[in-house]
C-alpha atoms as a PDB file:
ATOM      1  CA  UNK A   1       0.000   0.000   0.000  1.00  0.00           C
ATOM      2  CA  UNK A   2       1.216   3.472  -0.710  1.00  0.00           C
ATOM      3  CA  UNK A   3       2.085   5.073   2.592  1.00  0.00           C
ATOM      4  CA  UNK A   4       1.216   8.716   2.986  1.00  0.00           C
ATOM      5  CA  UNK A   5       2.903  10.888   5.550  1.00  0.00           C
ATOM      6  CA  UNK A   6       1.704  14.336   6.555  1.00  0.00           C
ATOM      7  CA  UNK A   7       2.755  16.406   9.536  1.00  0.00           C
ATOM      8  CA  UNK A   8       0.605  18.944  11.359  1.00  0.00           C
ATOM      9  CA  UNK A   9       1.817  21.235  14.084  1.00  0.00           C
ATOM     10  CA  UNK A  10       0.424  20.496  17.550  1.00  0.00           C
ATOM     11  CA  UNK A  11       1.356  20.048  21.154  1.00  0.00           C
ATOM     12  CA  UNK A  12       0.712  16.334  21.343  1.00  0.00           C
ATOM     13  CA  UNK A  13       1.821  13.480  19.115  1.00  0.00           C
ATOM     14  CA  UNK A  14      -0.717  11.024  17.810  1.00  0.00           C
ATOM     15  CA  UNK A  15      -0.571   8.180  15.313  1.00  0.00           C
ATOM     16  CA  UNK A  16      -3.365   7.459  12.919  1.00  0.00           C
ATOM     17  CA  UNK A  17      -3.519   5.110  10.007  1.00  0.00           C
ATOM     18  CA  UNK A  18      -5.399   6.379   6.998  1.00  0.00           C
ATOM     19  CA  UNK A  19      -6.186   4.994   3.587  1.00  0.00           C
ATOM     20  CA  UNK A  20      -5.977   7.561   0.838  1.00  0.00           C
ATOM     21  CA  UNK A  21      -6.347   5.683  -2.365  1.00  0.00           C
ATOM     22  CA  UNK A  22      -5.859   2.405  -0.476  1.00  0.00           C
ATOM     23  CA  UNK A  23      -2.839   3.706   1.374  1.00  0.00           C
ATOM     24  CA  UNK A  24      -1.416   4.213   4.820  1.00  0.00           C
ATOM     25  CA  UNK A  25      -0.928   7.588   6.400  1.00  0.00           C
ATOM     26  CA  UNK A  26       0.448   9.024   9.624  1.00  0.00           C
ATOM     27  CA  UNK A  27      -0.922  12.235  11.054  1.00  0.00           C
ATOM     28  CA  UNK A  28       0.197  14.370  13.934  1.00  0.00           C
ATOM     29  CA  UNK A  29      -2.849  16.189  15.202  1.00  0.00           C
ATOM     30  CA  UNK A  30      -3.788  18.297  18.152  1.00  0.00           C
ATOM     31  CA  UNK A  31      -5.977  15.672  19.835  1.00  0.00           C
ATOM     32  CA  UNK A  32      -6.597  16.236  23.523  1.00  0.00           C
ATOM     33  CA  UNK A  33      -7.659  12.759  24.669  1.00  0.00           C
ATOM     34  CA  UNK A  34      -5.397  11.656  27.512  1.00  0.00           C
ATOM     35  CA  UNK A  35      -5.203   8.123  26.116  1.00  0.00           C
ATOM     36  CA  UNK A  36      -3.061   9.467  23.369  1.00  0.00           C
ATOM     37  CA  UNK A  37      -0.210  10.089  25.757  1.00  0.00           C
ATOM     38  CA  UNK A  38       0.364   6.323  25.536  1.00  0.00           C
ATOM     39  CA  UNK A  39       1.924   4.351  22.698  1.00  0.00           C
ATOM     40  CA  UNK A  40       0.312   6.181  19.777  1.00  0.00           C
ATOM     41  CA  UNK A  41      -3.256   5.041  20.523  1.00  0.00           C
ATOM     42  CA  UNK A  42      -2.210   1.405  20.318  1.00  0.00           C
ATOM     43  CA  UNK A  43      -1.077   1.832  16.720  1.00  0.00           C
ATOM     44  CA  UNK A  44       1.725  -0.696  17.146  1.00  0.00           C
ATOM     45  CA  UNK A  45      -0.759  -3.464  17.875  1.00  0.00           C
ATOM     46  CA  UNK A  46      -2.834  -2.465  14.855  1.00  0.00           C
ATOM     47  CA  UNK A  47       0.258  -2.530  12.646  1.00  0.00           C
ATOM     48  CA  UNK A  48       1.056  -6.064  13.751  1.00  0.00           C
ATOM     49  CA  UNK A  49      -2.540  -7.059  13.105  1.00  0.00           C
ATOM     50  CA  UNK A  50      -2.477  -5.502   9.627  1.00  0.00           C
ATOM     51  CA  UNK A  51       0.751  -7.362   8.768  1.00  0.00           C
ATOM     52  CA  UNK A  52      -1.219 -10.609   9.097  1.00  0.00           C
ATOM     53  CA  UNK A  53      -4.756  -9.552   8.188  1.00  0.00           C
ATOM     54  CA  UNK A  54      -4.044  -7.569   5.018  1.00  0.00           C
ATOM     55  CA  UNK A  55      -1.943 -10.213   3.201  1.00  0.00           C
ATOM     56  CA  UNK A  56      -4.597 -12.879   3.848  1.00  0.00           C
ATOM     57  CA  UNK A  57      -7.449 -10.708   2.551  1.00  0.00           C
ATOM     58  CA  UNK A  58      -5.429  -9.504  -0.447  1.00  0.00           C
ATOM     59  CA  UNK A  59      -4.473 -13.054  -1.375  1.00  0.00           C
ATOM     60  CA  UNK A  60      -8.079 -14.271  -1.290  1.00  0.00           C
ATOM     61  CA  UNK A  61      -9.244 -11.248  -3.267  1.00  0.00           C
ATOM     62  CA  UNK A  62      -6.480 -11.758  -5.826  1.00  0.00           C
ATOM     63  CA  UNK A  63      -7.289 -15.417  -6.443  1.00  0.00           C
ATOM     64  CA  UNK A  64     -11.063 -14.974  -6.696  1.00  0.00           C
ATOM     65  CA  UNK A  65     -10.724 -11.821  -8.787  1.00  0.00           C
ATOM     66  CA  UNK A  66      -8.247 -13.314 -11.248  1.00  0.00           C
ATOM     67  CA  UNK A  67     -10.389 -16.404 -11.806  1.00  0.00           C
ATOM     68  CA  UNK A  68     -13.623 -14.448 -12.159  1.00  0.00           C
ATOM     69  CA  UNK A  69     -12.349 -11.726 -14.464  1.00  0.00           C
ATOM     70  CA  UNK A  70     -10.375 -14.284 -16.461  1.00  0.00           C
ATOM     71  CA  UNK A  71     -13.570 -16.240 -17.138  1.00  0.00           C
ATOM     72  CA  UNK A  72     -15.366 -13.059 -18.191  1.00  0.00           C
ATOM     73  CA  UNK A  73     -12.599 -12.195 -20.656  1.00  0.00           C
ATOM     74  CA  UNK A  74     -12.628 -15.743 -22.035  1.00  0.00           C
ATOM     75  CA  UNK A  75     -16.393 -15.607 -22.467  1.00  0.00           C
ATOM     76  CA  UNK A  76     -16.214 -12.242 -24.215  1.00  0.00           C
ATOM     77  CA  UNK A  77     -13.490 -13.509 -26.518  1.00  0.00           C
ATOM     78  CA  UNK A  78     -15.727 -16.419 -27.523  1.00  0.00           C
ATOM     79  CA  UNK A  79     -18.468 -13.884 -28.373  1.00  0.00           C
ATOM     80  CA  UNK A  80     -16.086 -11.561 -30.220  1.00  0.00           C
ATOM     81  CA  UNK A  81     -18.015 -11.605 -33.484  1.00  0.00           C
ATOM     82  CA  UNK A  82     -21.228 -10.461 -31.821  1.00  0.00           C
ATOM     83  CA  UNK A  83     -19.934  -7.905 -29.334  1.00  0.00           C
ATOM     84  CA  UNK A  84     -22.325  -5.150 -28.321  1.00  0.00           C
ATOM     85  CA  UNK A  85     -21.320  -1.725 -27.025  1.00  0.00           C
ATOM     86  CA  UNK A  86     -21.916  -2.926 -23.481  1.00  0.00           C
ATOM     87  CA  UNK A  87     -19.744  -6.009 -24.079  1.00  0.00           C
ATOM     88  CA  UNK A  88     -16.825  -3.813 -25.134  1.00  0.00           C
ATOM     89  CA  UNK A  89     -17.221  -1.628 -22.060  1.00  0.00           C
ATOM     90  CA  UNK A  90     -17.287  -4.752 -19.911  1.00  0.00           C
ATOM     91  CA  UNK A  91     -14.107  -5.999 -21.594  1.00  0.00           C
ATOM     92  CA  UNK A  92     -12.256  -2.872 -20.505  1.00  0.00           C
ATOM     93  CA  UNK A  93     -13.962  -2.957 -17.098  1.00  0.00           C
ATOM     94  CA  UNK A  94     -12.610  -6.449 -16.450  1.00  0.00           C
ATOM     95  CA  UNK A  95      -9.169  -5.349 -17.671  1.00  0.00           C
ATOM     96  CA  UNK A  96      -9.260  -2.481 -15.146  1.00  0.00           C
ATOM     97  CA  UNK A  97     -10.212  -4.893 -12.376  1.00  0.00           C
ATOM     98  CA  UNK A  98      -7.337  -7.184 -13.318  1.00  0.00           C
ATOM     99  CA  UNK A  99      -4.867  -4.294 -13.216  1.00  0.00           C
ATOM    100  CA  UNK A 100      -6.076  -3.331  -9.760  1.00  0.00           C
ATOM    101  CA  UNK A 101      -5.778  -6.919  -8.592  1.00  0.00           C
ATOM    102  CA  UNK A 102      -2.172  -7.393  -9.734  1.00  0.00           C
ATOM    103  CA  UNK A 103      -1.052  -4.587  -7.417  1.00  0.00           C
ATOM    104  CA  UNK A 104      -2.312  -6.468  -4.345  1.00  0.00           C
ATOM    105  CA  UNK A 105       0.767  -8.714  -3.910  1.00  0.00           C
ATOM    106  CA  UNK A 106       2.964  -5.615  -3.698  1.00  0.00           C
ATOM    107  CA  UNK A 107       0.833  -4.049  -0.948  1.00  0.00           C
ATOM    108  CA  UNK A 108       0.610  -7.383   0.856  1.00  0.00           C
ATOM    109  CA  UNK A 109       4.415  -7.694   0.825  1.00  0.00           C
ATOM    110  CA  UNK A 110       4.762  -4.121   2.056  1.00  0.00           C
ATOM    111  CA  UNK A 111       2.478  -4.847   5.018  1.00  0.00           C
ATOM    112  CA  UNK A 112       4.813  -7.674   6.071  1.00  0.00           C
ATOM    113  CA  UNK A 113       8.338  -6.446   5.300  1.00  0.00           C
ATOM    114  CA  UNK A 114       8.007  -2.869   4.122  1.00  0.00           C
ATOM    115  CA  UNK A 115       8.600  -1.504   0.625  1.00  0.00           C
ATOM    116  CA  UNK A 116      11.790  -3.043  -0.724  1.00  0.00           C
ATOM    117  CA  UNK A 117      11.374  -2.358  -4.465  1.00  0.00           C
ATOM    118  CA  UNK A 118      12.519   1.245  -4.795  1.00  0.00           C
ATOM    119  CA  UNK A 119      10.863   4.519  -5.720  1.00  0.00           C
ATOM    120  CA  UNK A 120      10.136   3.765  -9.385  1.00  0.00           C
ATOM    121  CA  UNK A 121       8.052   0.664  -8.658  1.00  0.00           C
ATOM    122  CA  UNK A 122       6.388   2.567  -5.829  1.00  0.00           C
ATOM    123  CA  UNK A 123       5.251   5.220  -8.294  1.00  0.00           C
ATOM    124  CA  UNK A 124       4.319   2.607 -10.900  1.00  0.00           C
ATOM    125  CA  UNK A 125       2.174   0.471  -8.576  1.00  0.00           C
ATOM    126  CA  UNK A 126       0.490   3.526  -7.098  1.00  0.00           C
ATOM    127  CA  UNK A 127      -0.271   4.894 -10.557  1.00  0.00           C
ATOM    128  CA  UNK A 128      -1.627   1.538 -11.801  1.00  0.00           C
ATOM    129  CA  UNK A 129      -3.862   1.359  -8.754  1.00  0.00           C
ATOM    130  CA  UNK A 130      -5.237   4.857  -9.354  1.00  0.00           C
ATOM    131  CA  UNK A 131      -5.692   4.343 -13.119  1.00  0.00           C
ATOM    132  CA  UNK A 132      -7.545   1.061 -12.739  1.00  0.00           C
ATOM    133  CA  UNK A 133      -9.766   2.463  -9.985  1.00  0.00           C
ATOM    134  CA  UNK A 134     -10.808   5.555 -11.949  1.00  0.00           C
ATOM    135  CA  UNK A 135     -11.167   3.619 -15.189  1.00  0.00           C
ATOM    136  CA  UNK A 136     -13.445   1.016 -13.622  1.00  0.00           C
ATOM    137  CA  UNK A 137     -15.830   3.629 -12.258  1.00  0.00           C
ATOM    138  CA  UNK A 138     -15.883   5.689 -15.461  1.00  0.00           C
ATOM    139  CA  UNK A 139     -16.623   2.623 -17.582  1.00  0.00           C
ATOM    140  CA  UNK A 140     -19.473   1.658 -15.269  1.00  0.00           C
ATOM    141  CA  UNK A 141     -20.880   5.164 -15.743  1.00  0.00           C
ATOM    142  CA  UNK A 142     -20.526   4.737 -19.523  1.00  0.00           C
ATOM    143  CA  UNK A 143     -22.561   1.513 -19.411  1.00  0.00           C
ATOM    144  CA  UNK A 144     -25.320   3.378 -17.563  1.00  0.00           C
ATOM    145  CA  UNK A 145     -25.180   6.284 -20.007  1.00  0.00           C
ATOM    146  CA  UNK A 146     -25.325   3.977 -23.027  1.00  0.00           C
ATOM    147  CA  UNK A 147     -28.408   2.209 -21.679  1.00  0.00           C
ATOM    148  CA  UNK A 148     -29.993   5.548 -20.783  1.00  0.00           C
ATOM    149  CA  UNK A 149     -29.618   6.929 -24.312  1.00  0.00           C
ATOM    150  CA  UNK A 150     -30.824   3.690 -25.861  1.00  0.00           C
ATOM    151  CA  UNK A 151     -33.933   3.227 -23.706  1.00  0.00           C
ATOM    152  CA  UNK A 152     -35.016   6.761 -22.831  1.00  0.00           C
ATOM    153  CA  UNK A 153     -34.122   8.609 -26.032  1.00  0.00           C
ATOM    154  CA  UNK A 154     -33.903   5.708 -28.516  1.00  0.00           C
ATOM    155  CA  UNK A 155     -30.474   7.035 -29.491  1.00  0.00           C
ATOM    156  CA  UNK A 156     -27.324   4.968 -29.826  1.00  0.00           C
ATOM    157  CA  UNK A 157     -24.011   6.332 -28.570  1.00  0.00           C
ATOM    158  CA  UNK A 158     -22.466   4.808 -31.707  1.00  0.00           C
ATOM    159  CA  UNK A 159     -25.163   4.694 -34.434  1.00  0.00           C
ATOM    160  CA  UNK A 160     -23.098   2.586 -36.844  1.00  0.00           C
ATOM    161  CA  UNK A 161     -21.958   0.257 -34.046  1.00  0.00           C
ATOM    162  CA  UNK A 162     -18.385   0.215 -35.259  1.00  0.00           C
ATOM    163  CA  UNK A 163     -16.236  -1.562 -32.662  1.00  0.00           C
ATOM    164  CA  UNK A 164     -13.206   0.627 -33.350  1.00  0.00           C
ATOM    165  CA  UNK A 165     -15.198   3.722 -32.316  1.00  0.00           C
ATOM    166  CA  UNK A 166     -16.126   2.173 -28.986  1.00  0.00           C
ATOM    167  CA  UNK A 167     -12.562   0.963 -28.474  1.00  0.00           C
ATOM    168  CA  UNK A 168     -11.266   4.471 -29.198  1.00  0.00           C
ATOM    169  CA  UNK A 169     -13.615   5.917 -26.574  1.00  0.00           C
ATOM    170  CA  UNK A 170     -12.395   3.382 -24.033  1.00  0.00           C
ATOM    171  CA  UNK A 171      -8.782   4.223 -24.844  1.00  0.00           C
ATOM    172  CA  UNK A 172      -9.587   7.892 -24.276  1.00  0.00           C
ATOM    173  CA  UNK A 173     -10.935   6.979 -20.835  1.00  0.00           C
ATOM    174  CA  UNK A 174      -7.695   5.112 -20.075  1.00  0.00           C
ATOM    175  CA  UNK A 175      -5.686   8.150 -21.189  1.00  0.00           C
ATOM    176  CA  UNK A 176      -7.772  10.487 -19.020  1.00  0.00           C
ATOM    177  CA  UNK A 177      -7.223   8.189 -16.038  1.00  0.00           C
ATOM    178  CA  UNK A 178      -3.491   8.252 -16.771  1.00  0.00           C
ATOM    179  CA  UNK A 179      -3.621  12.035 -16.426  1.00  0.00           C
ATOM    180  CA  UNK A 180      -5.474  11.684 -13.126  1.00  0.00           C
ATOM    181  CA  UNK A 181      -2.626   9.507 -11.851  1.00  0.00           C
ATOM    182  CA  UNK A 182      -0.100  12.366 -12.124  1.00  0.00           C
ATOM    183  CA  UNK A 183      -0.105  12.935  -8.317  1.00  0.00           C
ATOM    184  CA  UNK A 184       1.118   9.343  -7.862  1.00  0.00           C
ATOM    185  CA  UNK A 185       3.957   9.864 -10.329  1.00  0.00           C
ATOM    186  CA  UNK A 186       4.899  13.138  -8.647  1.00  0.00           C
ATOM    187  CA  UNK A 187       4.482  12.560  -4.906  1.00  0.00           C
ATOM    188  CA  UNK A 188       4.947   8.834  -4.286  1.00  0.00           C
ATOM    189  CA  UNK A 189       8.387   7.690  -3.206  1.00  0.00           C
ATOM    190  CA  UNK A 190      10.119   5.165  -0.988  1.00  0.00           C
ATOM    191  CA  UNK A 191      10.459   6.590   2.514  1.00  0.00           C
ATOM    192  CA  UNK A 192      11.598   5.300   5.870  1.00  0.00           C
ATOM    193  CA  UNK A 193       8.902   5.125   8.540  1.00  0.00           C
ATOM    194  CA  UNK A 194      10.352   5.471  12.036  1.00  0.00           C
ATOM    195  CA  UNK A 195       7.343   3.943  13.768  1.00  0.00           C
ATOM    196  CA  UNK A 196       7.262   0.669  11.824  1.00  0.00           C
ATOM    197  CA  UNK A 197      11.056   0.790  11.283  1.00  0.00           C
ATOM    198  CA  UNK A 198      10.490  -0.163   7.651  1.00  0.00           C
ATOM    199  CA  UNK A 199      10.515   1.573   4.299  1.00  0.00           C
ATOM    200  CA  UNK A 200       7.103   2.478   2.918  1.00  0.00           C
ATOM    201  CA  UNK A 201       5.739   3.558  -0.438  1.00  0.00           C
ATOM    202  CA  UNK A 202       4.752   7.027   0.727  1.00  0.00           C
ATOM    203  CA  UNK A 203       3.310  10.297  -0.481  1.00  0.00           C
ATOM    204  CA  UNK A 204       5.731  13.142   0.131  1.00  0.00           C
ATOM    205  CA  UNK A 205       3.903  16.428  -0.412  1.00  0.00           C
ATOM    206  CA  UNK A 206       6.841  18.451   0.950  1.00  0.00           C
ATOM    207  CA  UNK A 207       9.230  17.720  -1.877  1.00  0.00           C
ATOM    208  CA  UNK A 208       7.940  20.503  -4.161  1.00  0.00           C
ATOM    209  CA  UNK A 209       6.302  22.891  -1.719  1.00  0.00           C
ATOM    210  CA  UNK A 210       6.277  23.674   1.971  1.00  0.00           C
ATOM    211  CA  UNK A 211       2.479  23.967   1.790  1.00  0.00           C
ATOM    212  CA  UNK A 212       1.899  20.223   1.927  1.00  0.00           C
ATOM    213  CA  UNK A 213      -1.617  20.659   3.348  1.00  0.00           C
ATOM    214  CA  UNK A 214      -2.698  22.296   0.092  1.00  0.00           C
ATOM    215  CA  UNK A 215      -1.480  19.404  -2.072  1.00  0.00           C
ATOM    216  CA  UNK A 216      -2.953  16.804   0.245  1.00  0.00           C
ATOM    217  CA  UNK A 217      -6.371  18.482   0.202  1.00  0.00           C
ATOM    218  CA  UNK A 218      -6.230  19.012  -3.577  1.00  0.00           C
ATOM    219  CA  UNK A 219      -5.566  15.298  -4.192  1.00  0.00           C
ATOM    220  CA  UNK A 220      -8.381  14.328  -1.852  1.00  0.00           C
ATOM    221  CA  UNK A 221     -10.841  16.680  -3.569  1.00  0.00           C
ATOM    222  CA  UNK A 222      -9.808  15.285  -6.950  1.00  0.00           C
ATOM    223  CA  UNK A 223     -10.683  11.815  -5.730  1.00  0.00           C
ATOM    224  CA  UNK A 224     -13.959  12.816  -4.043  1.00  0.00           C
ATOM    225  CA  UNK A 225     -15.307  14.870  -6.941  1.00  0.00           C
ATOM    226  CA  UNK A 226     -13.935  13.197 -10.074  1.00  0.00           C
ATOM    227  CA  UNK A 227     -13.570   9.650  -8.797  1.00  0.00           C
ATOM    228  CA  UNK A 228     -16.819   9.327  -6.865  1.00  0.00           C
ATOM    229  CA  UNK A 229     -19.301  12.206  -7.017  1.00  0.00           C
ATOM    230  CA  UNK A 230     -19.508  12.723 -10.790  1.00  0.00           C
ATOM    231  CA  UNK A 231     -19.746   9.012 -11.764  1.00  0.00           C
ATOM    232  CA  UNK A 232     -22.285   8.419  -8.986  1.00  0.00           C
ATOM    233  CA  UNK A 233     -24.481  11.288 -10.144  1.00  0.00           C
ATOM    234  CA  UNK A 234     -24.342  10.000 -13.728  1.00  0.00           C
ATOM    235  CA  UNK A 235     -25.329   6.466 -12.707  1.00  0.00           C
ATOM    236  CA  UNK A 236     -28.136   7.580 -10.397  1.00  0.00           C
ATOM    237  CA  UNK A 237     -29.533   9.954 -13.016  1.00  0.00           C
ATOM    238  CA  UNK A 238     -29.432   7.325 -15.754  1.00  0.00           C
ATOM    239  CA  UNK A 239     -31.017   4.676 -13.571  1.00  0.00           C
ATOM    240  CA  UNK A 240     -33.798   7.000 -12.425  1.00  0.00           C
ATOM    241  CA  UNK A 241     -34.656   8.050 -15.973  1.00  0.00           C
ATOM    242  CA  UNK A 242     -34.620   4.465 -17.262  1.00  0.00           C
ATOM    243  CA  UNK A 243     -36.849   3.313 -14.425  1.00  0.00           C
ATOM    244  CA  UNK A 244     -39.331   6.107 -15.097  1.00  0.00           C
ATOM    245  CA  UNK A 245     -39.334   5.380 -18.823  1.00  0.00           C
ATOM    246  CA  UNK A 246     -39.944   1.658 -18.400  1.00  0.00           C
ATOM    247  CA  UNK A 247     -42.654   2.301 -15.849  1.00  0.00           C
ATOM    248  CA  UNK A 248     -44.556   4.533 -18.266  1.00  0.00           C
ATOM    249  CA  UNK A 249     -43.838   2.718 -21.487  1.00  0.00           C
ATOM    250  CA  UNK A 250     -43.037  -0.670 -22.892  1.00  0.00           C
ATOM    251  CA  UNK A 251     -42.520  -3.714 -20.686  1.00  0.00           C
ATOM    252  CA  UNK A 252     -40.231  -5.340 -23.237  1.00  0.00           C
ATOM    253  CA  UNK A 253     -38.366  -8.283 -21.714  1.00  0.00           C
ATOM    254  CA  UNK A 254     -35.007  -7.181 -23.142  1.00  0.00           C
ATOM    255  CA  UNK A 255     -35.362  -3.713 -21.647  1.00  0.00           C
ATOM    256  CA  UNK A 256     -36.430  -5.171 -18.312  1.00  0.00           C
ATOM    257  CA  UNK A 257     -33.269  -7.282 -18.369  1.00  0.00           C
ATOM    258  CA  UNK A 258     -31.248  -4.160 -19.094  1.00  0.00           C
ATOM    259  CA  UNK A 259     -32.947  -2.438 -16.201  1.00  0.00           C
ATOM    260  CA  UNK A 260     -32.103  -5.265 -13.824  1.00  0.00           C
ATOM    261  CA  UNK A 261     -28.491  -5.266 -14.986  1.00  0.00           C
ATOM    262  CA  UNK A 262     -28.079  -1.552 -14.333  1.00  0.00           C
ATOM    263  CA  UNK A 263     -29.790  -1.836 -10.959  1.00  0.00           C
ATOM    264  CA  UNK A 264     -27.577  -4.714  -9.825  1.00  0.00           C
ATOM    265  CA  UNK A 265     -24.376  -3.027 -11.033  1.00  0.00           C
ATOM    266  CA  UNK A 266     -25.368   0.190  -9.262  1.00  0.00           C
ATOM    267  CA  UNK A 267     -26.225  -1.606  -6.040  1.00  0.00           C
ATOM    268  CA  UNK A 268     -22.909  -3.460  -6.131  1.00  0.00           C
ATOM    269  CA  UNK A 269     -21.090  -0.165  -6.625  1.00  0.00           C
ATOM    270  CA  UNK A 270     -23.011   1.533  -3.812  1.00  0.00           C
ATOM    271  CA  UNK A 271     -22.578  -1.313  -1.336  1.00  0.00           C
ATOM    272  CA  UNK A 272     -18.861  -1.712  -2.039  1.00  0.00           C
ATOM    273  CA  UNK A 273     -17.699   1.873  -2.495  1.00  0.00           C
ATOM    274  CA  UNK A 274     -20.066   4.272  -0.725  1.00  0.00           C
ATOM    275  CA  UNK A 275     -18.960   3.200   2.800  1.00  0.00           C
ATOM    276  CA  UNK A 276     -15.312   3.761   1.853  1.00  0.00           C
ATOM    277  CA  UNK A 277     -15.983   7.156   0.320  1.00  0.00           C
ATOM    278  CA  UNK A 278     -18.099   8.329   3.252  1.00  0.00           C
ATOM    279  CA  UNK A 279     -15.361   7.236   5.649  1.00  0.00           C
ATOM    280  CA  UNK A 280     -12.729   8.938   3.504  1.00  0.00           C
ATOM    281  CA  UNK A 281     -14.749  12.175   3.514  1.00  0.00           C
ATOM    282  CA  UNK A 282     -14.828  12.072   7.321  1.00  0.00           C
ATOM    283  CA  UNK A 283     -11.081  11.520   7.331  1.00  0.00           C
ATOM    284  CA  UNK A 284     -10.557  14.402   4.911  1.00  0.00           C
ATOM    285  CA  UNK A 285     -12.483  16.700   7.259  1.00  0.00           C
ATOM    286  CA  UNK A 286     -10.359  15.426  10.126  1.00  0.00           C
ATOM    287  CA  UNK A 287      -6.990  15.847   8.398  1.00  0.00           C
ATOM    288  CA  UNK A 288      -8.041  19.331   7.250  1.00  0.00           C
ATOM    289  CA  UNK A 289      -8.692  20.261  10.903  1.00  0.00           C
ATOM    290  CA  UNK A 290     -12.365  20.910  10.147  1.00  0.00           C
ATOM    291  CA  UNK A 291     -13.379  18.332  12.747  1.00  0.00           C
ATOM    292  CA  UNK A 292     -11.384  17.095  15.716  1.00  0.00           C
ATOM    293  CA  UNK A 293     -11.286  13.568  17.116  1.00  0.00           C
ATOM    294  CA  UNK A 294     -10.319  11.892  20.333  1.00  0.00           C
ATOM    295  CA  UNK A 295      -7.891   9.009  20.329  1.00  0.00           C
ATOM    296  CA  UNK A 296     -10.783   6.541  20.567  1.00  0.00           C
ATOM    297  CA  UNK A 297     -12.668   8.031  17.621  1.00  0.00           C
ATOM    298  CA  UNK A 298      -9.456   8.227  15.577  1.00  0.00           C
ATOM    299  CA  UNK A 299      -8.874   4.522  16.160  1.00  0.00           C
ATOM    300  CA  UNK A 300     -12.469   3.792  15.147  1.00  0.00           C
ATOM    301  CA  UNK A 301     -11.900   5.768  11.954  1.00  0.00           C
ATOM    302  CA  UNK A 302      -8.782   3.716  11.275  1.00  0.00           C
ATOM    303  CA  UNK A 303     -10.687   0.447  11.644  1.00  0.00           C
ATOM    304  CA  UNK A 304     -13.459   1.778   9.402  1.00  0.00           C
ATOM    305  CA  UNK A 305     -10.910   2.668   6.740  1.00  0.00           C
ATOM    306  CA  UNK A 306      -9.506  -0.847   6.791  1.00  0.00           C
ATOM    307  CA  UNK A 307     -12.896  -2.562   6.601  1.00  0.00           C
ATOM    308  CA  UNK A 308     -14.316  -0.299   3.885  1.00  0.00           C
ATOM    309  CA  UNK A 309     -11.140  -0.572   1.823  1.00  0.00           C
ATOM    310  CA  UNK A 310     -11.445  -4.348   1.866  1.00  0.00           C
ATOM    311  CA  UNK A 311     -15.102  -4.010   0.846  1.00  0.00           C
ATOM    312  CA  UNK A 312     -14.035  -1.893  -2.118  1.00  0.00           C
ATOM    313  CA  UNK A 313     -11.634  -4.587  -3.294  1.00  0.00           C
ATOM    314  CA  UNK A 314     -14.458  -7.134  -3.147  1.00  0.00           C
ATOM    315  CA  UNK A 315     -16.082  -5.164  -5.962  1.00  0.00           C
ATOM    316  CA  UNK A 316     -13.433  -6.523  -8.335  1.00  0.00           C
ATOM    317  CA  UNK A 317     -14.486 -10.068  -7.424  1.00  0.00           C
ATOM    318  CA  UNK A 318     -18.211  -9.344  -7.520  1.00  0.00           C
ATOM    319  CA  UNK A 319     -18.287  -7.755 -10.970  1.00  0.00           C
ATOM    320  CA  UNK A 320     -17.550 -10.975 -12.923  1.00  0.00           C
ATOM    321  CA  UNK A 321     -20.498 -12.754 -11.315  1.00  0.00           C
ATOM    322  CA  UNK A 322     -22.829  -9.891 -12.169  1.00  0.00           C
ATOM    323  CA  UNK A 323     -21.510  -9.675 -15.738  1.00  0.00           C
ATOM    324  CA  UNK A 324     -22.129 -13.365 -16.354  1.00  0.00           C
ATOM    325  CA  UNK A 325     -25.653 -13.221 -14.940  1.00  0.00           C
ATOM    326  CA  UNK A 326     -26.786  -9.906 -16.431  1.00  0.00           C
ATOM    327  CA  UNK A 327     -24.231  -8.428 -18.766  1.00  0.00           C
ATOM    328  CA  UNK A 328     -22.659 -10.926 -21.121  1.00  0.00           C
ATOM    329  CA  UNK A 329     -25.986 -11.987 -22.587  1.00  0.00           C
ATOM    330  CA  UNK A 330     -27.072  -8.406 -23.146  1.00  0.00           C
ATOM    331  CA  UNK A 331     -27.095  -7.389 -26.785  1.00  0.00           C
ATOM    332  CA  UNK A 332     -27.983  -3.944 -28.088  1.00  0.00           C
END
């Protein structure tokens, strides 16, 4: 996991793990709870727990995700001559999931023995993680938008249904996500963490400016707005309009199947990612000194980050099942 370090001025020293983009983070905040005068709110025990817990979860997620997404890709390849627009989007969606999954062994190894692979691989793995995450969400929004135009307005995103046009659009999404990964290429580096006494793949916002709080907040806002809010609004809007249209109009079986597919994909996204994003928003408010926490509440936030991050990774394993049941058979 990329390890992010940020220092705030304050009279008391407190440790807090945080996951920004599936990463660790240490903060030094002005928290007044007397428990914090102890060994960093029990952070050492949590670190030992994570060194066992995280590798196990990542390994299970990796195996299930690789098998599931591999089967989806094999199924799509067998249907290559009859691909629909949605099938092509799903092809790239599974590719994004696979990219995210292949970074898990690196973060699992880091949890056990620290980051031993140097700064370049630190930047590379962090960037791949960010690209695959953004790309997966944007492609899911594209599936919703395509179904919305087709059902509500009887308009096709690609009237001639030329596969190369759809592929070009998907490549543009990948390129846009590459641009969004610039903070990883700029700020991630291998750093020594005194608390764990190991090297970590860490964000260093001080290397280009003394105003590290500004860069930290800017990266968080980029994630909250571009990576979550905008795609969520698009999916909710599309689903609502499709539901209203089908309720008033035709009860065609194919359109009802499309409706169920969109609903299930949206629910999977909401269940897996909304808890993480809500928790991350709370953490952003905390690290920006907008809200203040006691040692106990900071520890609870840390646990919530861990649990919701794991839930987000499950999304990569869940998608193949949903595609097979609802998506692969869908033709436009």
